[in-house]
Amino acid sequence: MFQRHYVSIRTAETADDKHDSRELQEAADELFAVIASGAVKVAINQRFRLADARTAHEAPQARITTGATLLLR
């Protein structure tokens, strides 16, 4: 009945695709408007302390994470 839709956003790819900083800002504004509307929910499934940044970087490469990852001070 309901279908899940997944969106993957990677900063490096976005930056490569958007050569103009104005275009990048417009795309970011559109994305955050959709998130703020509730149409898309962001799954924050793991949080790492900034001191553990290396582990946070290695975890997706090892395919042991899902959703968004936050680095916290």
Protein backbone atom coordinates (compact mmCIF):
# COMPACT_ATOMS: atom_id res chain seq x y z
CA MET A 1 0.00 0.00 0.00
CA PHE A 2 2.64 2.52 1.05
CA GLN A 3 5.95 2.78 -0.71
CA ARG A 4 9.09 4.07 0.93
CA HIS A 5 11.20 6.45 -1.08
CA TYR A 6 14.83 6.99 -0.27
CA VAL A 7 16.90 9.99 -1.19
CA SER A 8 20.67 9.92 -0.97
CA ILE A 9 22.53 13.20 -0.88
CA ARG A 10 26.28 13.34 -0.91
CA THR A 11 27.97 16.68 -0.55
CA ALA A 12 30.84 15.93 -2.93
CA GLU A 13 28.49 14.92 -5.76
CA THR A 14 26.23 17.88 -5.15
CA ALA A 15 29.17 20.27 -5.20
CA ASP A 16 30.42 18.75 -8.46
CA ASP A 17 27.01 19.03 -10.10
CA LYS A 18 26.40 22.60 -8.97
CA HIS A 19 29.21 24.78 -10.27
CA ASP A 20 27.64 28.03 -9.12
CA SER A 21 27.33 28.71 -5.39
CA ARG A 22 23.96 30.38 -6.02
CA GLU A 23 22.66 27.18 -7.65
CA LEU A 24 23.96 25.13 -4.75
CA GLN A 25 22.23 27.44 -2.26
CA GLU A 26 18.95 27.25 -4.21
CA ALA A 27 19.13 23.44 -4.26
CA ALA A 28 19.84 23.37 -0.50
CA ASP A 29 16.95 25.76 0.17
CA GLU A 30 14.58 23.54 -1.83
CA LEU A 31 15.77 20.41 -0.01
CA PHE A 32 15.37 21.92 3.45
CA ALA A 33 11.93 23.30 2.55
CA VAL A 34 10.80 19.76 1.66
CA ILE A 35 12.25 18.41 4.91
CA ALA A 36 10.63 21.22 6.93
CA SER A 37 7.26 20.49 5.31
CA GLY A 38 7.37 16.97 6.71
CA ALA A 39 7.18 15.37 3.26
CA VAL A 40 10.57 13.78 3.87
CA LYS A 41 11.87 12.50 7.18
CA VAL A 42 15.58 12.28 7.80
CA ALA A 43 16.64 9.18 9.71
CA ILE A 44 19.54 10.05 12.01
CA ASN A 45 20.61 6.58 12.99
CA GLN A 46 24.03 7.17 14.47
CA ARG A 47 25.86 9.92 16.28
CA PHE A 48 29.59 10.19 16.87
CA ARG A 49 31.61 12.55 19.01
CA LEU A 50 33.94 14.76 16.99
CA ALA A 51 36.81 12.97 18.70
CA ASP A 52 35.55 9.79 16.98
CA ALA A 53 35.48 11.33 13.49
CA ARG A 54 37.72 8.60 12.12
CA THR A 55 35.26 5.91 13.23
CA ALA A 56 32.37 7.97 11.83
CA HIS A 57 34.16 8.13 8.49
CA GLU A 58 34.99 4.42 8.43
CA ALA A 59 31.52 3.18 9.45
CA PRO A 60 29.71 3.90 6.13
CA GLN A 61 32.65 2.51 4.19
CA ALA A 62 32.26 -0.71 6.16
CA ARG A 63 28.52 -0.61 5.35
CA ILE A 64 27.49 -0.74 8.99
CA THR A 65 25.40 2.44 9.01
CA THR A 66 22.01 3.48 7.67
CA GLY A 67 20.42 6.89 7.48
CA ALA A 68 22.23 10.08 8.38
CA THR A 69 25.24 10.30 10.66
CA LEU A 70 25.91 13.27 12.94
CA LEU A 71 29.23 14.41 14.35
CA LEU A 72 28.77 16.11 17.70
CA ARG A 73 31.17 18.23 19.70
